[in-house]
Protein backbone atom coordinates (compact mmCIF):
# COMPACT_ATOMS: atom_id res chain seq x y z
CA MET A 1 -0.11 0.08 0.05
CA GLU A 2 2.42 2.35 0.94
CA ALA A 3 4.44 1.59 -2.36
CA ASN A 4 1.32 2.15 -4.40
CA ALA A 5 0.76 5.42 -2.59
CA VAL A 6 4.01 6.71 -3.16
CA LEU A 7 3.73 5.72 -7.01
CA LEU A 8 0.41 7.28 -7.45
CA LEU A 9 1.82 10.42 -5.82
CA THR A 10 4.68 10.15 -8.32
CA CYS A 11 2.79 9.85 -11.50
CA ALA A 12 -0.38 12.70 -10.15
CA PRO A 13 -0.14 15.60 -12.86
CA ARG A 14 1.99 18.58 -10.83
CA LEU A 15 -0.59 21.60 -10.42
CA PRO A 16 1.00 24.89 -11.10
CA SER A 17 2.40 26.67 -8.12
CA LEU A 18 0.44 29.64 -6.88
CA PRO A 19 2.36 33.24 -7.35
CA SER A 20 3.77 34.34 -4.02
CA ALA A 21 1.94 37.90 -3.30
CA SER A 22 5.18 39.93 -3.67
CA SER A 23 4.70 38.78 -7.76
CA PHE A 24 1.27 39.49 -7.96
CA PRO A 25 0.05 42.47 -10.02
CA ILE A 26 -2.10 44.09 -7.73
CA SER A 27 -1.83 47.23 -9.81
CA ARG A 28 -4.56 45.96 -12.36
CA PHE A 29 -7.21 46.18 -9.18
CA SER A 30 -5.32 49.21 -7.69
CA ARG A 31 -6.25 52.95 -8.22
CA LYS A 32 -3.00 53.80 -6.04
CA PRO A 33 0.39 53.79 -8.19
CA THR A 34 2.49 51.13 -6.77
CA SER A 35 5.80 51.91 -5.25
CA SER A 36 8.08 49.66 -7.60
CA SER A 37 10.46 51.83 -9.63
CA SER A 38 9.53 50.06 -12.75
CA SER A 39 5.66 51.21 -12.39
CA SER A 40 4.77 54.34 -14.38
CA SER A 41 3.76 57.78 -13.16
CA VAL A 42 1.06 58.68 -15.58
CA VAL A 43 -2.40 58.67 -13.49
CA LEU A 44 -4.73 56.61 -14.69
CA ARG A 45 -8.41 56.86 -15.09
CA LYS A 46 -11.51 55.28 -15.86
CA CYS A 47 -12.37 55.72 -19.85
CA LEU A 48 -16.02 57.18 -20.81
CA THR A 49 -16.68 53.97 -23.43
CA SER A 50 -15.50 51.04 -21.14
CA LYS A 51 -14.85 51.00 -17.32
CA ASP A 52 -12.31 48.71 -17.94
CA GLU A 53 -10.27 51.10 -20.36
CA THR A 54 -8.33 54.06 -19.44
CA LEU A 55 -7.16 57.53 -20.65
CA ILE A 56 -4.02 59.22 -20.28
CA ASP A 57 -4.39 62.09 -17.86
CA GLY A 58 -4.00 65.81 -19.85
CA LEU A 59 -5.56 64.98 -22.95
CA PRO A 60 -9.04 65.95 -23.89
CA LYS A 61 -12.36 64.02 -23.92
CA GLU A 62 -13.05 64.50 -27.90
CA TYR A 63 -9.37 62.93 -28.31
CA TYR A 64 -11.52 59.43 -28.11
CA ASP A 65 -14.58 60.23 -30.26
CA ASP A 66 -14.10 58.98 -33.56
CA GLU A 67 -16.07 61.97 -35.35
CA TRP A 68 -13.95 64.50 -33.74
CA GLN A 69 -10.67 63.07 -34.66
CA ALA A 70 -12.23 63.23 -38.27
CA ARG A 71 -13.16 66.61 -38.19
CA GLN A 72 -9.85 67.69 -36.55
CA ARG A 73 -8.06 65.57 -39.64
CA GLU A 74 -10.96 67.48 -42.40
CA LYS A 75 -9.56 70.97 -40.75
CA THR A 76 -5.41 70.00 -41.12
CA LYS A 77 -6.26 69.34 -44.65
CA GLU A 78 -7.86 72.50 -45.28
CA LEU A 79 -5.54 74.26 -43.57
CA HIS A 80 -2.71 72.63 -45.59
CA ARG A 81 -4.32 73.52 -48.48
CA ARG A 82 -4.52 77.06 -47.97
CA ARG A 83 -1.21 77.38 -46.59
CA GLN A 84 -0.11 76.02 -49.95
CA GLU A 85 -2.53 78.34 -52.03
CA GLU A 86 -0.93 81.30 -50.27
CA ASP A 87 2.71 80.08 -51.07
CA GLU A 88 1.75 79.68 -54.61
CA GLU A 89 0.40 82.71 -54.76
CA GLU A 90 3.43 84.60 -53.03
CA GLU A 91 5.68 82.59 -55.42
CA ARG A 92 3.29 83.66 -58.51
CA LYS A 93 3.49 87.90 -56.94
CA VAL A 94 7.43 87.69 -56.33
CA GLU A 95 7.66 86.03 -60.21
CA GLU A 96 5.80 88.90 -61.52
CA TYR A 97 7.64 91.44 -59.71
CA ARG A 98 10.75 90.29 -61.20
CA GLU A 99 9.25 90.17 -64.68
CA ILE A 100 8.30 93.83 -64.13
CA GLY A 101 12.09 94.32 -62.90
CA MET A 102 13.82 92.99 -65.80
CA ARG A 103 11.65 94.85 -67.93
CA LEU A 104 14.63 97.57 -67.75
CA LYS A 105 17.61 95.48 -67.69
CA GLY A 106 17.97 96.27 -71.39
CA TYR A 107 18.77 99.92 -70.64
CA PRO A 108 21.43 101.47 -69.35
CA GLU A 109 21.29 102.32 -65.48
CA GLU A 110 22.02 105.94 -65.53
CA ASP A 111 19.31 106.66 -68.67
CA VAL A 112 16.62 104.81 -66.26
CA ARG A 113 17.78 106.46 -63.03
CA LYS A 114 16.97 109.88 -64.59
CA ALA A 115 13.49 108.43 -66.53
CA ARG A 116 12.77 107.73 -63.10
CA ILE A 117 13.57 111.25 -61.41
CA LEU A 118 11.45 112.62 -64.02
CA VAL A 119 8.56 110.60 -63.85
CA SER A 120 8.74 111.37 -60.34
CA SER A 121 8.81 115.24 -61.10
CA PHE A 122 5.63 114.52 -63.01
CA ILE A 123 3.83 112.64 -60.17
CA ARG A 124 4.68 115.58 -57.79
CA SER A 125 3.90 118.36 -60.21
CA GLU A 126 -0.10 117.64 -59.77
CA GLU A 127 -1.54 121.06 -61.04
CA GLU A 128 1.36 121.88 -63.04
CA VAL A 129 2.07 118.29 -65.02
CA GLU A 130 0.66 119.48 -68.53
CA GLU A 131 3.62 122.35 -68.48
CA LYS A 132 6.18 119.77 -67.24
CA ILE A 133 5.17 117.44 -69.81
CA GLU A 134 5.63 119.87 -72.59
CA GLU A 135 8.96 121.16 -71.31
CA ALA A 136 10.50 117.96 -70.97
CA ALA A 137 9.00 117.01 -74.80
CA GLU A 138 10.50 120.37 -75.89
CA ARG A 139 14.13 119.44 -74.39
CA GLY A 140 13.72 116.09 -75.75
CA GLU A 141 13.30 113.96 -72.80
CA LEU A 142 10.06 112.28 -73.45
CA THR A 143 11.21 108.76 -74.84
CA GLU A 144 10.23 105.26 -74.85
CA LEU A 145 12.47 104.39 -71.52
CA ILE A 146 9.72 107.22 -69.46
CA LEU A 147 6.29 105.59 -71.05
CA MET A 148 8.15 102.50 -69.93
CA VAL A 149 8.81 103.83 -66.28
CA ILE A 150 5.45 104.82 -66.16
CA TRP A 151 4.04 101.59 -67.15
CA ASN A 152 5.78 99.51 -64.75
CA ARG A 153 4.62 101.81 -61.45
CA LEU A 154 1.32 101.58 -63.03
CA ASP A 155 1.07 97.80 -63.80
CA LEU A 156 2.50 97.49 -59.85
CA ALA A 157 -0.20 99.75 -58.82
CA ARG A 158 -2.67 97.29 -60.51
CA ARG A 159 -1.20 94.32 -59.00
CA ASP A 160 -2.09 96.12 -55.45
CA ASP A 161 -5.23 97.26 -56.12
CA GLU A 162 -4.39 100.57 -55.64
CA LYS A 163 -7.01 102.47 -57.37
CA ASP A 164 -6.37 106.09 -56.89
CA ALA A 165 -2.76 105.32 -58.01
CA VAL A 166 -4.14 103.47 -60.89
CA ARG A 167 -6.27 106.46 -61.97
CA SER A 168 -3.46 108.88 -61.86
CA LEU A 169 -0.59 106.85 -63.86
CA ASP A 170 -3.03 105.96 -66.74
CA LEU A 171 -3.72 109.70 -67.24
CA LEU A 172 -0.34 110.35 -67.02
CA TYR A 173 0.89 107.69 -69.50
CA ARG A 174 -2.16 108.28 -72.11
CA ARG A 175 -0.77 112.50 -71.74
CA VAL A 176 3.20 111.57 -72.11
CA GLU A 177 1.91 109.26 -74.81
CA THR A 178 0.34 111.80 -76.70
CA GLU A 179 3.07 114.27 -76.19
CA ILE A 180 5.37 111.69 -78.01
CA LEU A 181 3.08 110.67 -80.89
CA LYS A 182 2.57 114.61 -81.15
CA ARG A 183 6.53 115.33 -81.50
CA GLU A 184 6.88 112.48 -83.76
CA ALA A 185 3.98 112.56 -85.90
CA PRO A 186 4.22 113.64 -89.56
CA PRO A 187 3.02 117.71 -90.37
CA ALA A 188 -0.42 116.41 -91.38
CA MET A 189 -1.04 114.63 -87.94
CA ARG A 190 -0.02 117.36 -86.47
CA LEU A 191 -2.09 120.19 -87.87
CA LEU A 192 -5.08 117.70 -87.74
CA ASN A 193 -4.54 117.28 -83.97
CA GLU A 194 -4.13 121.24 -83.51
CA LEU A 195 -7.13 121.76 -85.50
CA LEU A 196 -8.92 119.29 -82.71
CA ASN A 197 -7.60 120.78 -79.81
CA LEU A 198 -9.37 123.99 -80.91
CA HIS A 199 -13.00 122.82 -80.53
CA ASP A 200 -14.47 124.27 -76.93
CA GLY A 201 -17.18 121.48 -77.24
CA PHE A 202 -20.22 123.80 -78.00
CA ASP A 203 -19.74 126.37 -81.13
CA ASN A 204 -19.05 124.08 -84.20
CA GLU A 205 -19.48 127.45 -86.65
CA GLY A 206 -16.89 129.45 -84.80
CA TRP A 207 -14.56 126.44 -84.75
CA LEU A 208 -14.94 125.69 -88.51
CA LYS A 209 -14.11 129.38 -88.76
CA GLU A 210 -10.91 129.18 -86.91
CA CYS A 211 -9.95 126.05 -88.58
CA ARG A 212 -10.21 127.88 -91.71
CA LYS A 213 -7.77 130.37 -90.85
CA LEU A 214 -5.46 128.62 -89.38
CA MET A 215 -5.79 126.16 -92.54
CA VAL A 216 -5.00 129.19 -94.83
CA ASP A 217 -2.10 130.42 -92.66
CA THR A 218 -0.37 127.21 -93.05
CA PHE A 219 -1.16 125.52 -96.43
CA PRO A 220 0.78 127.52 -99.32
CA ARG A 221 -1.07 129.42 -101.79
CA GLU A 222 -2.16 127.69 -104.53
CA ASP A 223 -3.28 129.91 -107.04
CA PRO A 224 -1.75 129.89 -110.57
CA PHE A 225 0.50 133.41 -109.74
CA SER A 226 1.51 132.04 -106.73
CA ILE A 227 2.59 128.66 -108.34
CA LEU A 228 4.29 130.56 -111.29
CA VAL A 229 5.89 133.10 -109.34
CA PRO A 230 7.71 131.66 -106.30
CA ALA A 231 7.15 133.91 -102.95
CA GLY A 232 10.13 136.41 -102.80
CA LEU A 233 10.89 136.60 -106.65
CA ASP A 234 10.87 140.40 -108.05
CA ILE A 235 9.44 140.14 -111.52
CA ASP A 236 10.49 143.77 -112.46
CA LYS A 237 14.30 143.07 -111.27
CA HIS A 238 13.94 139.42 -112.09
CA GLN A 239 15.62 138.47 -108.97
CA GLY A 240 14.60 135.79 -106.32
CA PRO A 241 14.22 132.44 -106.46
CA LEU A 242 12.77 130.90 -109.45
CA ARG A 243 11.47 127.42 -107.51
CA PRO A 244 10.78 126.97 -104.06
CA SER A 245 13.41 125.73 -101.81
CA SER A 246 14.02 122.03 -101.89
CA GLU A 247 14.66 122.60 -98.02
CA ASP A 248 11.07 124.19 -97.76
CA ASP A 249 8.94 121.79 -94.98
CA ALA A 250 5.86 123.40 -95.90
CA LEU A 251 2.78 121.40 -95.47
CA LEU A 252 1.03 121.02 -98.92
CA ARG A 253 -3.05 121.10 -99.01
CA VAL A 254 -3.08 117.92 -101.21
CA ASP A 255 -0.60 115.92 -98.86
CA PHE A 256 -2.96 117.05 -95.50
CA VAL A 257 -6.61 115.97 -97.59
CA ARG A 258 -4.65 112.68 -98.63
CA GLU A 259 -3.17 111.61 -95.19
CA VAL A 260 -6.57 112.47 -93.44
CA ASP A 261 -8.46 110.77 -96.02
CA GLU A 262 -6.32 107.78 -95.21
CA LEU A 263 -6.82 107.62 -91.28
CA LEU A 264 -10.36 107.99 -92.06
CA GLN A 265 -10.28 104.71 -94.09
CA GLU A 266 -8.50 103.03 -91.50
CA VAL A 267 -10.86 104.14 -88.46
CA ARG A 268 -13.82 103.46 -90.47
CA ALA A 269 -12.60 99.87 -90.78
CA GLU A 270 -12.46 99.14 -87.21
CA GLN A 271 -15.58 100.90 -86.39
CA SER A 272 -17.14 98.34 -88.88
CA GLU A 273 -15.82 95.35 -86.82
CA TRP A 274 -16.82 96.55 -83.33
CA GLN A 275 -19.90 95.73 -81.55
CA ASP A 276 -21.70 97.45 -79.41
CA ALA A 277 -21.77 96.40 -75.65
CA GLN A 278 -25.07 95.79 -74.63
CA GLY A 279 -24.76 95.11 -70.74
CA LEU A 280 -25.35 97.71 -68.04
CA ASP A 281 -22.24 96.65 -66.14
CA PRO A 282 -19.20 99.49 -65.79
CA GLU A 283 -17.13 97.89 -68.32
CA SER A 284 -19.69 97.63 -71.11
CA VAL A 285 -20.80 101.43 -70.04
CA ALA A 286 -17.45 102.92 -70.28
CA SER A 287 -17.03 100.99 -73.88
CA ARG A 288 -19.95 102.60 -74.82
CA LEU A 289 -19.26 105.94 -73.71
CA LYS A 290 -15.81 105.55 -75.50
CA GLN A 291 -17.20 104.42 -78.53
CA GLN A 292 -19.67 107.46 -78.48
CA GLU A 293 -16.66 110.09 -77.91
CA LYS A 294 -14.60 108.01 -80.72
CA GLN A 295 -17.63 108.76 -83.51
CA GLN A 296 -17.65 112.64 -82.05
CA THR A 297 -14.20 112.73 -83.28
CA ILE A 298 -14.62 111.24 -86.48
CA HIS A 299 -17.49 113.88 -87.29
CA GLN A 300 -14.63 116.60 -86.81
CA VAL A 301 -12.41 115.11 -88.76
CA GLU A 302 -14.50 114.73 -91.66
CA ALA A 303 -15.73 117.79 -91.30
CA LEU A 304 -11.83 119.40 -91.61
CA LEU A 305 -11.24 117.08 -94.45
CA ASP A 306 -14.11 118.93 -95.98
CA LEU A 307 -13.06 122.22 -95.22
CA ALA A 308 -9.64 121.25 -96.56
CA ILE A 309 -10.83 119.96 -99.98
CA ASN A 310 -13.46 123.00 -100.66
CA LEU A 311 -10.28 125.77 -99.00
CA LYS A 312 -10.25 128.67 -100.86
CA TRP A 313 -7.86 131.89 -100.01
């Protein structure tokens, strides 16, 4: 019996030994941190969704909400998108400003500096800008470079949405351009511009009388006696020039009529291709007003052409 008992004890399966109190994980059931050096110092709390889960202290409750996290991710994506758009817009502006600055690279630095000083004097002169422009034109200082400097300033003002500066610079550009064209234009176009400027906007008959007087004073006489006997020739003494000097730059009436007629044909061709804007927005209204003003100028040029054709001394 004793041998059988010993054999039974030897063959019986061994039960696992119970852990000692010192190795048992008391922290799973205790809400107070253990004194062990390897335990975490983070305070654990109950989770909102389950009593068995824990939250890290210091984080908001919304951190464990899936919908809240999804909204935060969308906000982050939108923020990155806006930041990328701002960076691209900034790069575009920098490139545009660089392009504007490169327009003057082909000119000598000293000429560019003088042109900028002259344009600045135009801007500061305010009411006296007309006189300043005319004086600069007489000195021969109005060139393509001046127009380029004004255009650069106008372009920068447009990009920065400075409406008052855009309006002032646009008027200055047109005035300087008109003065340059007037100085470089042929005699017929200069006379046409002078005749148009005589109109006060009201008295057409008085305007045509002044134009006729100016034409008589400008065109050489075309009567047979003037053609056969040039100015300065003394018939009795047979002294003086027998023919007009080749260096004489007098404008002939026939040349004026021919050039003005060609100009009218070009303008009429452009008018036939243009279509009147029908909208009531500011751009359409401004376009119609501009075309009406242009049509009025065409009628004035036609009247001047008819006056020159039928001019008599």
